[in-house]
């Protein structure tokens, strides 16, 4: 059910439960959306799951991790259902890092009943920036946003409310602790090695940050909150009712970092004033990342944000419901697709015509009661990008397009969605997909089946503009009777669509097989 179909007499539009499966913990935020598009938190859950620590030396997540995460997501799902909330679950660094991450997510989804999306590092960075900008009045400022998580650190630079630079680095607090600070207590050599490693990873990034410039820096996540609490504890000040919007100065950061670096055992750090005992083991690594970045990028202070990834998921989900499904050109996903296609110098007039024909086929098909998933936007992207592989080579360009899309960093897309768009592009020409395709191995059977069906719509659309002259103005599919469908092809007066009809005849068979029907083509003239 769509979010905007859930309405009540109170003006409430709906409820969303945003779940973030991270390296250190799993969080869920349940909110109520009001008619103005704002939201109010009604439930906030957190479980210390330490999923990054479950990745073994072979970069695999084991059965114990699956059992643990299944139990956690089931509990969260029960809470979400109690509130009648739509659930959206995002998995970040640990599932990106694990070699069996896709399989793990698939099994976790099946066992818990919660659909788990793996997002790229850049997409995680974008979602973090959305969450931060939703909670702080920084829309008119050039802002550096830093989120040090358990497995990765997201660094985003926003100007005029748009993302100008975004990256995800393997500088998470849990990850760095496991790599450099395994000894308890750690040694001076351990600390030096950690600092040198962080420096080497941040130096190239800070060159980009200085090129853009920024007015203020924002730090989100539990790491910077723990550092601010420690700074207040050292000074003897009172803890604020909320850390949101408070400031950690560079001097405070230097002081608390030096204190943490001197207290080398976990037990010593737990004794520090207002130290979060659950973070005592990983806080040193997190402090090092923020300190080194502040030194390199000349950050005078960090403004704290308690809104980040989960709030970004909420904002993004609202945008998808209110903009993307209506094809709003302001939507970040469509913007990123357009920019990607333009960089690859696609033939845009042809791409738009194919997109229009494909969407007409999809929309008329769904009206015939075919039980297709609502993948309209993914098919739309594939239609627009179907020729992008020609940027590399005209020969076999559908395979090149698959590679480019699958390995892109298109904003707003989960890893699963990119796989689907890439597969649709791959099979828009030449042979149809087989059951043992390598490029479909990460998809479940229902996704594979839908790719098989929807790719035939794209094949039909492409055949109908083979001459690239726009002879076919529009198309419509309709059901004649059980086992028979009619494709009405509308052409301009005096147009000769001979090439298009020949190509269409070649593509009828895949469609007929996919939909278990026969297809009759009817040619009609239109004056405009």
Protein backbone atom coordinates (compact mmCIF):
# COMPACT_ATOMS: atom_id res chain seq x y z
CA UNK A 1 0.00 0.00 0.00
CA UNK A 2 1.29 3.47 -0.83
CA UNK A 3 2.13 5.77 2.02
CA UNK A 4 -0.22 8.41 0.67
CA UNK A 5 -3.12 5.96 0.67
CA UNK A 6 -2.92 5.73 4.46
CA UNK A 7 -4.97 8.70 5.60
CA UNK A 8 -7.13 9.41 8.59
CA UNK A 9 -9.63 12.02 9.75
CA UNK A 10 -6.93 13.54 11.95
CA UNK A 11 -4.89 14.71 8.98
CA UNK A 12 -2.25 12.06 9.57
CA UNK A 13 -0.89 10.78 6.27
CA UNK A 14 0.90 7.70 7.57
CA UNK A 15 3.66 6.19 9.62
CA UNK A 16 7.11 5.08 8.52
CA UNK A 17 9.56 2.84 10.38
CA UNK A 18 13.13 3.47 9.22
CA UNK A 19 15.62 0.73 10.13
CA UNK A 20 19.37 1.19 9.83
CA UNK A 21 21.45 -2.01 9.96
CA UNK A 22 24.92 -0.67 10.69
CA UNK A 23 28.30 -2.02 11.70
CA UNK A 24 27.98 -1.29 15.41
CA UNK A 25 24.23 -1.22 16.03
CA UNK A 26 20.79 -1.56 14.48
CA UNK A 27 18.36 1.30 14.97
CA UNK A 28 14.69 1.81 14.20
CA UNK A 29 12.88 5.13 14.14
CA UNK A 30 9.08 5.10 13.87
CA UNK A 31 7.51 8.42 12.93
CA UNK A 32 4.11 9.82 12.13
CA UNK A 33 3.88 11.93 8.98
CA UNK A 34 1.59 14.94 9.03
CA UNK A 35 -0.21 16.59 6.13
CA UNK A 36 2.52 19.23 5.82
CA UNK A 37 5.18 16.55 5.21
CA UNK A 38 6.79 16.87 8.65
CA UNK A 39 7.12 14.01 11.11
CA UNK A 40 6.92 13.29 14.82
CA UNK A 41 8.90 10.48 16.46
CA UNK A 42 6.69 7.93 18.21
CA UNK A 43 9.22 5.14 18.81
CA UNK A 44 13.03 4.92 18.85
CA UNK A 45 14.76 1.55 19.28
CA UNK A 46 18.42 0.60 19.29
CA UNK A 47 20.21 -2.74 19.61
CA UNK A 48 23.99 -3.13 19.88
CA UNK A 49 24.42 -5.80 17.20
CA UNK A 50 28.14 -5.31 16.28
CA UNK A 51 27.61 -6.90 12.87
CA UNK A 52 31.03 -5.76 11.59
CA UNK A 53 32.68 -7.90 14.26
CA UNK A 54 30.87 -10.95 12.84
CA UNK A 55 32.70 -10.72 9.50
CA UNK A 56 35.42 -13.38 9.58
CA UNK A 57 38.85 -13.46 7.94
CA UNK A 58 37.27 -14.74 4.72
CA UNK A 59 34.97 -11.69 4.71
CA UNK A 60 31.92 -13.89 5.35
CA UNK A 61 28.98 -13.46 7.72
CA UNK A 62 28.09 -16.73 9.45
CA UNK A 63 24.86 -18.44 10.50
CA UNK A 64 25.08 -17.07 14.05
CA UNK A 65 25.00 -13.51 12.70
CA UNK A 66 21.94 -14.42 10.64
CA UNK A 67 20.14 -15.84 13.68
CA UNK A 68 20.99 -12.74 15.74
CA UNK A 69 19.88 -10.26 13.08
CA UNK A 70 16.71 -12.22 12.29
CA UNK A 71 15.64 -11.99 15.92
CA UNK A 72 16.40 -8.24 16.04
CA UNK A 73 14.50 -7.43 12.85
CA UNK A 74 11.53 -9.57 13.88
CA UNK A 75 11.26 -7.61 17.14
CA UNK A 76 11.46 -4.33 15.26
CA UNK A 77 8.93 -5.49 12.70
CA UNK A 78 6.50 -6.36 15.52
CA UNK A 79 6.84 -2.84 16.92
CA UNK A 80 6.35 -1.30 13.46
CA UNK A 81 3.23 -3.41 12.89
CA UNK A 82 1.87 -2.33 16.26
CA UNK A 83 2.09 1.25 15.00
CA UNK A 84 0.79 0.26 11.52
CA UNK A 85 3.92 1.73 9.96
CA UNK A 86 5.46 1.11 6.54
CA UNK A 87 8.92 -0.41 7.06
CA UNK A 88 12.02 0.56 5.09
CA UNK A 89 15.27 -1.14 6.09
CA UNK A 90 18.71 -0.03 4.88
CA UNK A 91 21.90 -2.07 5.38
CA UNK A 92 25.23 -0.29 5.11
CA UNK A 93 28.90 -1.16 5.50
CA UNK A 94 28.90 -4.72 6.96
CA UNK A 95 26.72 -6.13 4.18
CA UNK A 96 28.62 -4.15 1.54
CA UNK A 97 31.87 -5.53 2.94
CA UNK A 98 30.90 -9.17 3.34
CA UNK A 99 31.45 -11.40 0.32
CA UNK A 100 28.12 -13.08 1.05
CA UNK A 101 26.38 -9.80 1.87
CA UNK A 102 23.76 -10.06 -0.88
CA UNK A 103 22.92 -13.65 0.03
CA UNK A 104 22.86 -12.72 3.73
CA UNK A 105 20.43 -9.85 3.03
CA UNK A 106 18.19 -12.14 0.98
CA UNK A 107 18.04 -14.78 3.73
CA UNK A 108 17.57 -12.14 6.41
CA UNK A 109 14.68 -10.63 4.44
CA UNK A 110 13.01 -14.01 4.01
CA UNK A 111 13.38 -15.06 7.66
CA UNK A 112 12.50 -11.74 9.31
CA UNK A 113 9.80 -10.57 6.91
CA UNK A 114 11.61 -7.23 6.53
CA UNK A 115 12.95 -6.33 3.08
CA UNK A 116 16.63 -5.41 3.56
CA UNK A 117 18.20 -3.03 1.00
CA UNK A 118 21.99 -2.81 0.72
CA UNK A 119 23.06 0.71 -0.28
CA UNK A 120 26.37 1.87 -1.71
CA UNK A 121 28.75 4.03 0.30
CA UNK A 122 27.89 7.12 -1.73
CA UNK A 123 24.18 6.48 -1.31
CA UNK A 124 24.67 6.13 2.44
CA UNK A 125 26.51 9.45 2.44
CA UNK A 126 23.64 11.10 0.56
CA UNK A 127 21.05 9.71 2.98
CA UNK A 128 23.09 10.95 5.94
CA UNK A 129 23.21 14.44 4.42
CA UNK A 130 19.42 14.37 3.88
CA UNK A 131 18.89 13.49 7.53
CA UNK A 132 21.26 16.17 8.79
CA UNK A 133 19.72 18.85 6.58
CA UNK A 134 16.26 17.83 7.78
CA UNK A 135 17.29 18.53 11.37
CA UNK A 136 19.55 21.58 11.18
CA UNK A 137 18.91 25.00 9.55
CA UNK A 138 21.87 24.79 7.16
CA UNK A 139 20.11 24.90 3.79
CA UNK A 140 21.64 28.25 2.81
CA UNK A 141 25.17 27.31 3.93
CA UNK A 142 28.02 25.40 2.38
CA UNK A 143 28.27 22.51 4.82
CA UNK A 144 30.74 19.71 5.48
CA UNK A 145 28.90 16.72 6.99
CA UNK A 146 30.86 13.92 8.67
CA UNK A 147 29.38 10.71 10.04
CA UNK A 148 31.79 8.24 11.66
CA UNK A 149 30.00 4.93 11.91
CA UNK A 150 31.20 1.50 12.90
CA UNK A 151 32.43 0.28 9.52
CA UNK A 152 32.77 3.44 7.44
CA UNK A 153 32.92 7.20 7.62
CA UNK A 154 30.68 9.23 5.31
CA UNK A 155 31.88 12.66 4.22
CA UNK A 156 29.54 14.94 2.29
CA UNK A 157 29.84 18.55 1.15
CA UNK A 158 26.55 20.33 0.42
CA UNK A 159 26.17 23.71 -1.22
CA UNK A 160 22.83 25.47 -1.82
CA UNK A 161 21.02 22.38 -0.53
CA UNK A 162 22.63 20.13 -3.14
CA UNK A 163 25.28 17.42 -2.73
CA UNK A 164 28.51 18.61 -4.39
CA UNK A 165 30.85 15.95 -3.08
CA UNK A 166 30.16 12.65 -1.31
CA UNK A 167 32.36 9.73 -0.36
CA UNK A 168 32.38 6.77 1.98
CA UNK A 169 35.72 5.69 3.44
CA UNK A 170 36.60 2.51 5.31
CA UNK A 171 37.33 4.52 8.44
CA UNK A 172 34.65 3.26 10.79
CA UNK A 173 35.40 3.13 14.52
CA UNK A 174 34.81 -0.63 14.86
CA UNK A 175 36.78 -1.41 11.71
CA UNK A 176 39.81 0.70 12.73
CA UNK A 177 39.77 -0.67 16.27
CA UNK A 178 39.89 -4.24 14.99
CA UNK A 179 42.69 -3.36 12.58
CA UNK A 180 44.97 -1.24 14.77
CA UNK A 181 43.86 -1.30 18.43
CA UNK A 182 43.28 -4.98 19.12
CA UNK A 183 45.68 -4.93 22.07
CA UNK A 184 44.25 -3.90 25.42
CA UNK A 185 45.89 -1.71 26.41
CA UNK A 186 47.05 -0.51 23.01
CA UNK A 187 50.64 0.65 22.52
CA UNK A 188 52.11 3.92 21.25
CA UNK A 189 53.11 2.06 18.07
CA UNK A 190 49.48 1.00 17.60
CA UNK A 191 48.35 4.62 17.92
CA UNK A 192 50.97 5.90 15.47
CA UNK A 193 50.00 3.26 12.92
CA UNK A 194 46.35 4.23 13.28
CA UNK A 195 47.11 7.93 12.80
CA UNK A 196 49.28 7.32 9.72
CA UNK A 197 46.58 5.16 8.13
CA UNK A 198 43.82 7.71 8.75
CA UNK A 199 46.03 10.50 7.39
CA UNK A 200 46.72 8.57 4.20
CA UNK A 201 43.00 8.04 3.57
CA UNK A 202 41.83 11.56 4.43
CA UNK A 203 44.49 13.65 2.67
CA UNK A 204 43.08 13.15 -0.87
CA UNK A 205 39.56 13.89 0.38
CA UNK A 206 40.53 17.13 2.09
CA UNK A 207 42.04 18.39 -1.16
CA UNK A 208 38.55 18.11 -2.69
CA UNK A 209 36.93 19.74 0.34
CA UNK A 210 39.28 22.72 0.17
CA UNK A 211 38.59 23.10 -3.54
CA UNK A 212 34.86 23.55 -2.81
CA UNK A 213 35.19 25.31 0.54
CA UNK A 214 32.63 25.22 3.36
CA UNK A 215 31.08 27.56 5.92
CA UNK A 216 30.59 25.09 8.74
CA UNK A 217 31.21 21.45 9.66
CA UNK A 218 28.58 19.10 11.07
CA UNK A 219 29.26 15.86 12.90
CA UNK A 220 26.60 13.18 13.30
CA UNK A 221 26.45 9.71 14.89
CA UNK A 222 27.20 8.46 18.38
CA UNK A 223 30.96 9.00 18.15
CA UNK A 224 30.89 12.79 18.17
CA UNK A 225 28.11 12.84 20.76
CA UNK A 226 30.29 10.71 23.08
CA UNK A 227 33.23 13.09 22.53
CA UNK A 228 31.09 16.13 23.38
CA UNK A 229 29.79 14.43 26.53
CA UNK A 230 33.38 13.70 27.55
CA UNK A 231 34.38 17.33 26.91
CA UNK A 232 31.54 18.52 29.17
CA UNK A 233 32.55 15.97 31.79
CA UNK A 234 36.14 17.20 31.80
CA UNK A 235 35.07 20.83 32.20
CA UNK A 236 32.53 19.98 34.90
CA UNK A 237 29.66 21.50 32.95
CA UNK A 238 26.05 20.34 32.89
CA UNK A 239 24.84 17.99 30.18
CA UNK A 240 22.33 19.60 27.82
CA UNK A 241 18.83 18.21 27.47
CA UNK A 242 19.75 17.47 23.85
CA UNK A 243 23.10 17.44 22.08
CA UNK A 244 21.47 18.42 18.80
CA UNK A 245 22.86 21.76 17.65
CA UNK A 246 25.59 21.91 20.31
CA UNK A 247 29.16 22.62 19.25
CA UNK A 248 32.38 20.67 19.76
CA UNK A 249 35.22 23.15 19.29
CA UNK A 250 38.56 22.16 17.84
CA UNK A 251 40.23 22.88 21.18
CA UNK A 252 37.75 20.58 22.96
CA UNK A 253 38.36 17.88 20.36
CA UNK A 254 42.13 18.16 20.82
CA UNK A 255 41.75 17.95 24.60
CA UNK A 256 39.45 14.91 24.69
CA UNK A 257 41.51 13.14 22.01
CA UNK A 258 44.70 13.61 24.01
CA UNK A 259 42.92 12.27 27.10
CA UNK A 260 41.68 9.20 25.24
CA UNK A 261 45.10 8.57 23.70
CA UNK A 262 46.68 8.62 27.18
CA UNK A 263 44.14 6.21 28.67
CA UNK A 264 45.10 3.14 26.69
CA UNK A 265 43.03 0.43 28.36
CA UNK A 266 39.29 0.02 27.95
CA UNK A 267 38.82 -0.03 31.72
CA UNK A 268 40.67 3.28 32.11
CA UNK A 269 38.50 4.90 29.46
CA UNK A 270 35.32 3.63 31.09
CA UNK A 271 36.32 5.56 34.24
CA UNK A 272 36.50 8.90 32.39
CA UNK A 273 33.75 11.44 33.24
CA UNK A 274 30.47 10.83 31.33
CA UNK A 275 32.11 8.23 29.14
CA UNK A 276 29.63 6.00 27.30
CA UNK A 277 30.81 2.58 28.53
CA UNK A 278 29.49 0.85 25.40
CA UNK A 279 31.79 3.00 23.26
CA UNK A 280 34.88 2.85 25.43
CA UNK A 281 36.50 0.21 23.21
CA UNK A 282 35.98 2.03 19.88
CA UNK A 283 36.00 5.72 20.85
CA UNK A 284 39.76 6.16 20.30
CA UNK A 285 39.53 5.25 16.62
CA UNK A 286 36.49 7.47 16.11
CA UNK A 287 38.21 10.41 17.80
CA UNK A 288 41.27 9.94 15.59
CA UNK A 289 39.20 10.25 12.40
CA UNK A 290 37.48 13.45 13.53
CA UNK A 291 40.70 14.96 14.87
CA UNK A 292 42.75 14.25 11.74
CA UNK A 293 39.98 15.56 9.48
CA UNK A 294 39.73 18.74 11.58
CA UNK A 295 43.50 19.25 11.32
CA UNK A 296 43.68 18.63 7.57
CA UNK A 297 40.54 20.52 6.55
CA UNK A 298 41.05 23.31 9.11
CA UNK A 299 37.73 22.69 10.85
CA UNK A 300 37.30 25.20 13.69
CA UNK A 301 34.36 23.34 15.26
CA UNK A 302 31.78 20.63 14.61
CA UNK A 303 28.08 21.34 15.09
CA UNK A 304 26.43 18.17 16.40
CA UNK A 305 23.46 16.62 14.64
CA UNK A 306 21.44 13.85 16.21
CA UNK A 307 19.59 13.41 12.92
CA UNK A 308 21.44 11.38 10.29
CA UNK A 309 20.90 8.16 8.33
CA UNK A 310 17.52 7.11 9.74
CA UNK A 311 16.03 10.55 9.25
CA UNK A 312 17.54 10.56 5.76
CA UNK A 313 15.73 7.29 5.02
CA UNK A 314 12.48 8.94 6.12
CA UNK A 315 13.02 12.01 3.94
CA UNK A 316 14.01 9.86 0.97
CA UNK A 317 11.00 7.57 1.41
CA UNK A 318 8.67 10.57 1.48
CA UNK A 319 10.33 11.95 -1.66
CA UNK A 320 9.88 8.64 -3.46
CA UNK A 321 6.21 8.54 -2.62
CA UNK A 322 5.42 12.18 -3.36
CA UNK A 323 7.78 12.86 -6.29
CA UNK A 324 9.45 9.88 -7.87
CA UNK A 325 6.37 7.74 -8.55
CA UNK A 326 4.82 10.76 -10.26
CA UNK A 327 7.96 11.27 -12.35
CA UNK A 328 8.84 14.61 -10.77
CA UNK A 329 11.94 15.96 -12.52
CA UNK A 330 13.19 17.39 -9.22
CA UNK A 331 13.59 13.93 -7.74
CA UNK A 332 17.20 13.06 -6.92
CA UNK A 333 17.01 9.63 -8.54
CA UNK A 334 15.83 10.93 -11.90
CA UNK A 335 18.33 13.80 -11.70
CA UNK A 336 21.20 11.38 -11.15
CA UNK A 337 20.03 9.15 -14.03
CA UNK A 338 19.83 12.15 -16.37
CA UNK A 339 23.29 13.39 -15.35
CA UNK A 340 24.73 9.89 -15.78
CA UNK A 341 23.24 9.57 -19.27
CA UNK A 342 24.46 13.01 -20.29
CA UNK A 343 28.00 12.24 -19.12
CA UNK A 344 27.92 9.13 -21.30
CA UNK A 345 26.68 11.23 -24.26
CA UNK A 346 23.55 9.25 -24.97
CA UNK A 347 21.22 10.26 -27.82
CA UNK A 348 18.72 12.04 -25.54
CA UNK A 349 15.88 12.62 -28.05
CA UNK A 350 15.93 8.91 -28.90
CA UNK A 351 16.27 7.97 -25.22
CA UNK A 352 13.24 10.05 -24.26
CA UNK A 353 11.17 8.62 -27.12
CA UNK A 354 12.02 5.05 -26.09
CA UNK A 355 11.21 5.95 -22.48
CA UNK A 356 7.81 7.35 -23.52
CA UNK A 357 6.95 4.24 -25.55
CA UNK A 358 8.13 1.90 -22.76
CA UNK A 359 6.07 3.69 -20.12
CA UNK A 360 3.00 3.60 -22.39
CA UNK A 361 3.40 -0.17 -22.77
CA UNK A 362 3.88 -0.65 -19.03
CA UNK A 363 0.93 1.55 -18.07
CA UNK A 364 -1.48 -0.04 -20.54
CA UNK A 365 -0.27 -3.52 -19.55
CA UNK A 366 -0.89 -2.98 -15.85
CA UNK A 367 -4.44 -1.90 -16.71
CA UNK A 368 -5.06 -5.38 -18.16
CA UNK A 369 -4.76 -6.82 -14.63
CA UNK A 370 -1.31 -8.31 -15.18
CA UNK A 371 0.10 -8.80 -11.68
CA UNK A 372 3.39 -6.98 -12.11
CA UNK A 373 5.31 -5.35 -9.27
CA UNK A 374 5.34 -1.58 -9.31
CA UNK A 375 8.74 -1.24 -10.96
CA UNK A 376 7.72 1.59 -13.21
CA UNK A 377 10.57 3.86 -12.16
CA UNK A 378 13.23 1.16 -12.60
CA UNK A 379 11.98 0.35 -16.09
CA UNK A 380 11.91 4.07 -16.87
CA UNK A 381 15.58 4.37 -15.91
CA UNK A 382 16.53 1.37 -18.02
CA UNK A 383 14.66 2.79 -21.01
CA UNK A 384 16.47 6.11 -20.74
CA UNK A 385 19.91 4.48 -20.28
CA UNK A 386 19.50 1.54 -22.66
CA UNK A 387 22.18 2.82 -25.07
CA UNK A 388 24.66 4.25 -22.57
CA UNK A 389 27.11 1.41 -23.31
CA UNK A 390 27.86 2.98 -26.70
CA UNK A 391 30.11 5.37 -24.80
CA UNK A 392 32.58 2.47 -24.51
CA UNK A 393 31.92 0.58 -27.73
CA UNK A 394 29.05 0.21 -30.19
CA UNK A 395 29.77 -3.50 -30.50
CA UNK A 396 27.99 -5.33 -27.68
CA UNK A 397 26.88 -2.03 -26.18
CA UNK A 398 24.09 -3.69 -24.16
CA UNK A 399 26.76 -5.59 -22.19
CA UNK A 400 28.81 -2.44 -21.69
CA UNK A 401 25.64 -0.64 -20.51
CA UNK A 402 25.03 -3.41 -17.96
CA UNK A 403 28.54 -2.96 -16.56
CA UNK A 404 28.30 0.85 -16.43
CA UNK A 405 24.91 0.91 -14.69
CA UNK A 406 25.70 -1.90 -12.26
CA UNK A 407 28.93 -0.23 -11.15
CA UNK A 408 27.59 3.32 -11.09
CA UNK A 409 26.92 5.36 -7.97
CA UNK A 410 23.49 6.63 -9.01
CA UNK A 411 22.00 8.53 -6.10
CA UNK A 412 18.85 7.20 -4.51
CA UNK A 413 19.22 3.58 -5.60
CA UNK A 414 19.85 0.51 -3.50
CA UNK A 415 22.23 -2.17 -4.73
CA UNK A 416 19.26 -4.39 -5.63
CA UNK A 417 17.67 -1.61 -7.69
CA UNK A 418 20.90 -0.98 -9.61
CA UNK A 419 21.14 -4.71 -10.35
CA UNK A 420 17.60 -4.65 -11.73
CA UNK A 421 18.11 -1.58 -13.92
CA UNK A 422 21.39 -3.02 -15.21
CA UNK A 423 19.73 -6.35 -16.07
CA UNK A 424 16.86 -4.64 -17.89
CA UNK A 425 19.40 -2.72 -19.97
CA UNK A 426 21.42 -5.89 -20.60
CA UNK A 427 18.48 -7.80 -22.06
CA UNK A 428 16.84 -5.07 -24.14
CA UNK A 429 18.41 -6.64 -27.25
CA UNK A 430 19.98 -9.85 -28.56
CA UNK A 431 19.14 -12.98 -26.56
CA UNK A 432 16.64 -13.15 -23.71
CA UNK A 433 17.73 -14.01 -20.13
CA UNK A 434 18.41 -17.61 -19.15
CA UNK A 435 17.83 -19.08 -15.69
CA UNK A 436 21.58 -19.49 -15.07
CA UNK A 437 22.64 -15.95 -16.00
CA UNK A 438 25.60 -14.69 -13.96
CA UNK A 439 24.14 -11.19 -13.91
CA UNK A 440 20.94 -12.48 -12.28
CA UNK A 441 22.52 -14.69 -9.62
CA UNK A 442 22.15 -12.08 -6.86
CA UNK A 443 18.39 -11.69 -7.49
CA UNK A 444 15.65 -13.77 -5.99
CA UNK A 445 13.32 -15.70 -8.30
CA UNK A 446 10.55 -13.10 -8.26
CA UNK A 447 12.98 -10.35 -9.31
CA UNK A 448 14.38 -12.58 -12.05
CA UNK A 449 10.88 -13.28 -13.34
CA UNK A 450 10.01 -9.58 -13.43
CA UNK A 451 13.24 -8.72 -15.25
CA UNK A 452 12.33 -11.35 -17.82
CA UNK A 453 8.88 -9.84 -18.34
CA UNK A 454 9.70 -6.15 -18.24
CA UNK A 455 12.74 -6.49 -20.52
CA UNK A 456 10.35 -7.62 -23.27
CA UNK A 457 8.49 -4.29 -23.00
CA UNK A 458 11.75 -2.42 -23.49
CA UNK A 459 12.59 -4.66 -26.47
CA UNK A 460 9.24 -3.81 -28.10
CA UNK A 461 9.75 -0.09 -27.51
CA UNK A 462 13.28 -0.11 -28.95
CA UNK A 463 12.08 -1.96 -32.06
CA UNK A 464 9.44 0.73 -32.64
CA UNK A 465 12.02 3.49 -33.13
CA UNK A 466 14.63 1.54 -35.05
CA UNK A 467 14.79 4.22 -37.73
CA UNK A 468 15.18 6.99 -35.11
CA UNK A 469 12.72 9.19 -36.99
CA UNK A 470 9.84 9.02 -34.52
CA UNK A 471 7.52 7.40 -37.06
CA UNK A 472 5.67 5.63 -34.23
CA UNK A 473 3.95 8.34 -32.23
CA UNK A 474 2.42 6.24 -29.47
CA UNK A 475 1.47 2.66 -28.55
CA UNK A 476 -1.10 0.87 -26.47
CA UNK A 477 -1.50 -2.72 -25.27
CA UNK A 478 -4.95 -4.16 -24.66
CA UNK A 479 -6.41 -7.54 -23.87
CA UNK A 480 -8.58 -8.99 -26.66
CA UNK A 481 -9.49 -12.23 -24.91
CA UNK A 482 -7.83 -14.89 -22.77
CA UNK A 483 -4.49 -15.74 -24.34
CA UNK A 484 -4.53 -12.88 -26.84
CA UNK A 485 -3.36 -9.26 -26.65
CA UNK A 486 -3.44 -6.42 -29.15
CA UNK A 487 -0.64 -3.91 -29.67
CA UNK A 488 -1.98 -0.75 -31.30
CA UNK A 489 0.79 1.15 -33.09
CA UNK A 490 -0.05 4.76 -33.97
CA UNK A 491 2.01 6.30 -36.78
CA UNK A 492 2.01 9.64 -38.52
CA UNK A 493 0.12 10.15 -41.77
CA UNK A 494 2.23 9.11 -44.80
CA UNK A 495 4.89 7.64 -42.48
CA UNK A 496 6.38 4.35 -43.63
CA UNK A 497 7.15 2.27 -40.53
CA UNK A 498 8.40 -0.70 -42.51
CA UNK A 499 11.69 -0.98 -40.61
CA UNK A 500 9.93 -0.65 -37.25
CA UNK A 501 7.30 -3.27 -38.09
CA UNK A 502 9.97 -5.71 -39.25
CA UNK A 503 11.91 -5.26 -36.00
CA UNK A 504 8.69 -5.47 -33.99
CA UNK A 505 7.86 -8.79 -35.59
CA UNK A 506 11.27 -10.10 -34.43
CA UNK A 507 10.53 -9.04 -30.83
CA UNK A 508 6.99 -10.43 -30.61
CA UNK A 509 8.13 -13.92 -29.64
CA UNK A 510 9.94 -12.97 -26.37
CA UNK A 511 6.88 -10.97 -25.26
CA UNK A 512 4.46 -13.76 -26.13
CA UNK A 513 6.56 -16.31 -24.26
CA UNK A 514 7.01 -14.08 -21.19
CA UNK A 515 3.30 -13.30 -20.88
CA UNK A 516 1.94 -16.60 -22.22
CA UNK A 517 -0.14 -14.90 -24.88
CA UNK A 518 -0.32 -14.18 -28.60
CA UNK A 519 0.24 -10.62 -29.79
CA UNK A 520 -1.65 -9.05 -32.68
CA UNK A 521 -0.26 -5.80 -34.10
CA UNK A 522 -2.70 -3.19 -35.40
CA UNK A 523 -1.42 -0.20 -37.33
CA UNK A 524 -3.33 3.08 -36.99
CA UNK A 525 -2.67 6.53 -38.44
CA UNK A 526 -2.76 9.72 -36.43
CA UNK A 527 -2.67 13.25 -37.79
CA UNK A 528 -0.85 14.70 -34.82
